[in-house]
C-alpha atoms as a PDB file:
ATOM      1  CA  MET A   1       0.000  -0.005  -0.003  1.00  0.00           C
ATOM      2  CA  TYR A   2       2.886   2.342   0.765  1.00  0.00           C
ATOM      3  CA  ASP A   3       4.166   1.979  -2.805  1.00  0.00           C
ATOM      4  CA  TYR A   4       0.719   2.936  -4.168  1.00  0.00           C
ATOM      5  CA  PHE A   5       0.794   6.233  -2.283  1.00  0.00           C
ATOM      6  CA  ALA A   6       4.541   6.885  -2.561  1.00  0.00           C
ATOM      7  CA  THR A   7       5.064   6.177  -6.274  1.00  0.00           C
ATOM      8  CA  GLY A   8       2.306   8.398  -7.593  1.00  0.00           C
ATOM      9  CA  GLY A   9      -0.358   5.775  -8.352  1.00  0.00           C
ATOM     10  CA  PHE A  10      -2.713   7.364  -5.867  1.00  0.00           C
ATOM     11  CA  GLU A  11      -1.893  10.888  -7.020  1.00  0.00           C
ATOM     12  CA  ALA A  12      -2.553  10.060 -10.668  1.00  0.00           C
ATOM     13  CA  ARG A  13      -5.824   8.333  -9.840  1.00  0.00           C
ATOM     14  CA  TYR A  14      -6.903  11.242  -7.626  1.00  0.00           C
ATOM     15  CA  LYS A  15      -6.073  13.876 -10.279  1.00  0.00           C
ATOM     16  CA  THR A  16      -8.041  11.938 -12.898  1.00  0.00           C
ATOM     17  CA  MET A  17     -11.023  11.765 -10.573  1.00  0.00           C
ATOM     18  CA  GLU A  18     -10.734  15.464  -9.678  1.00  0.00           C
ATOM     19  CA  GLN A  19     -10.641  16.454 -13.357  1.00  0.00           C
ATOM     20  CA  ALA A  20     -13.728  14.351 -14.073  1.00  0.00           C
ATOM     21  CA  ILE A  21     -15.570  15.978 -11.152  1.00  0.00           C
ATOM     22  CA  ASP A  22     -14.591  19.442 -12.441  1.00  0.00           C
ATOM     23  CA  ARG A  23     -15.976  18.569 -15.888  1.00  0.00           C
ATOM     24  CA  LEU A  24     -19.159  17.253 -14.335  1.00  0.00           C
ATOM     25  CA  ILE A  25     -19.630  20.446 -12.284  1.00  0.00           C
ATOM     26  CA  ALA A  26     -19.066  22.590 -15.395  1.00  0.00           C
ATOM     27  CA  GLU A  27     -21.627  20.500 -17.301  1.00  0.00           C
ATOM     28  CA  LEU A  28     -24.168  20.788 -14.483  1.00  0.00           C
ATOM     29  CA  ASP A  29     -23.644  24.563 -14.287  1.00  0.00           C
ATOM     30  CA  GLN A  30     -24.234  24.896 -18.027  1.00  0.00           C
ATOM     31  CA  ASP A  31     -27.371  22.735 -17.822  1.00  0.00           C
ATOM     32  CA  GLN A  32     -28.653  24.847 -14.953  1.00  0.00           C
ATOM     33  CA  ARG A  33     -28.130  28.107 -16.885  1.00  0.00           C
ATOM     34  CA  THR A  34     -29.811  26.661 -19.968  1.00  0.00           C
ATOM     35  CA  SER A  35     -32.736  25.376 -17.920  1.00  0.00           C
ATOM     36  CA  MET A  36     -33.194  28.729 -16.190  1.00  0.00           C
ATOM     37  CA  GLN A  37     -33.221  30.578 -19.520  1.00  0.00           C
ATOM     38  CA  ARG A  38     -35.761  28.117 -20.914  1.00  0.00           C
ATOM     39  CA  TRP A  39     -37.852  28.386 -17.734  1.00  0.00           C
ATOM     40  CA  LYS A  40     -37.949  32.205 -18.043  1.00  0.00           C
ATOM     41  CA  ARG A  41     -39.014  31.991 -21.703  1.00  0.00           C
ATOM     42  CA  LEU A  42     -41.801  29.547 -20.844  1.00  0.00           C
ATOM     43  CA  GLU A  43     -42.986  31.684 -17.918  1.00  0.00           C
ATOM     44  CA  LYS A  44     -43.161  34.686 -20.221  1.00  0.00           C
ATOM     45  CA  LEU A  45     -45.067  32.705 -22.847  1.00  0.00           C
ATOM     46  CA  THR A  46     -47.477  31.340 -20.245  1.00  0.00           C
ATOM     47  CA  ALA A  47     -48.203  34.841 -18.931  1.00  0.00           C
ATOM     48  CA  GLU A  48     -48.691  36.115 -22.473  1.00  0.00           C
ATOM     49  CA  ILE A  49     -51.131  33.311 -23.331  1.00  0.00           C
ATOM     50  CA  ARG A  50     -52.997  33.765 -20.074  1.00  0.00           C
ATOM     51  CA  ASP A  51     -53.246  37.549 -20.409  1.00  0.00           C
ATOM     52  CA  GLN A  52     -54.070  37.794 -24.102  1.00  0.00           C
ATOM     53  CA  GLY A  53     -56.111  34.607 -24.319  1.00  0.00           C
ATOM     54  CA  LEU A  54     -58.346  35.285 -21.333  1.00  0.00           C
ATOM     55  CA  GLN A  55     -58.869  38.906 -22.233  1.00  0.00           C
ATOM     56  CA  GLY A  56     -59.648  37.907 -25.844  1.00  0.00           C
ATOM     57  CA  ILE A  57     -62.300  35.460 -24.696  1.00  0.00           C
ATOM     58  CA  VAL A  58     -63.831  38.053 -22.391  1.00  0.00           C
ATOM     59  CA  LEU A  59     -63.929  40.625 -25.182  1.00  0.00           C
ATOM     60  CA  ASP A  60     -65.509  38.072 -27.526  1.00  0.00           C
ATOM     61  CA  VAL A  61     -68.235  37.381 -24.962  1.00  0.00           C
ATOM     62  CA  ILE A  62     -68.848  41.100 -24.452  1.00  0.00           C
ATOM     63  CA  GLY A  63     -68.942  41.597 -28.226  1.00  0.00           C
ATOM     64  CA  LEU A  64     -71.604  38.917 -28.472  1.00  0.00           C
ATOM     65  CA  GLY A  65     -73.722  40.741 -25.915  1.00  0.00           C
ATOM     66  CA  GLY A  66     -72.850  38.569 -22.945  1.00  0.00           C
ATOM     67  CA  GLU A  67     -72.042  39.670 -19.445  1.00  0.00           C
ATOM     68  CA  ILE A  68     -68.903  38.797 -17.587  1.00  0.00           C
ATOM     69  CA  PRO A  69     -69.297  37.428 -14.044  1.00  0.00           C
ATOM     70  CA  PRO A  70     -67.478  39.411 -11.343  1.00  0.00           C
ATOM     71  CA  ALA A  71     -65.064  36.528 -10.684  1.00  0.00           C
ATOM     72  CA  ALA A  72     -63.944  36.551 -14.318  1.00  0.00           C
ATOM     73  CA  ARG A  73     -63.550  40.341 -14.243  1.00  0.00           C
ATOM     74  CA  ALA A  74     -61.319  39.980 -11.196  1.00  0.00           C
ATOM     75  CA  GLU A  75     -59.101  37.561 -13.129  1.00  0.00           C
ATOM     76  CA  ILE A  76     -58.457  39.997 -15.956  1.00  0.00           C
ATOM     77  CA  GLY A  77     -57.890  43.061 -13.783  1.00  0.00           C
ATOM     78  CA  ASP A  78     -59.371  46.506 -13.674  1.00  0.00           C
ATOM     79  CA  GLY A  79     -58.397  47.631 -17.169  1.00  0.00           C
ATOM     80  CA  PRO A  80     -61.077  48.859 -19.546  1.00  0.00           C
ATOM     81  CA  LEU A  81     -62.766  46.173 -21.596  1.00  0.00           C
ATOM     82  CA  GLU A  82     -64.092  47.238 -24.913  1.00  0.00           C
ATOM     83  CA  PRO A  83     -65.809  44.823 -27.237  1.00  0.00           C
ATOM     84  CA  PRO A  84     -64.326  44.332 -30.706  1.00  0.00           C
ATOM     85  CA  VAL A  85     -65.858  46.396 -33.488  1.00  0.00           C
END
């Protein structure tokens, strides 16, 4: 066992392992950044769909002469709703 530690066998094995761990950490960091960027894009898209889609439905209903229940009005906010012309 002494020879393993004294002749560099252990050192070489340890350096190889350390380099592999460093590469793994770099890969994980890159994946995390990529995932966060994708997550932000999807959050933005979800908000856009929710805002524009819900408001569009409400405006369609108003344009057809319907009334919007108070709960639905609360979901879309206090902005002015004008039916399409």
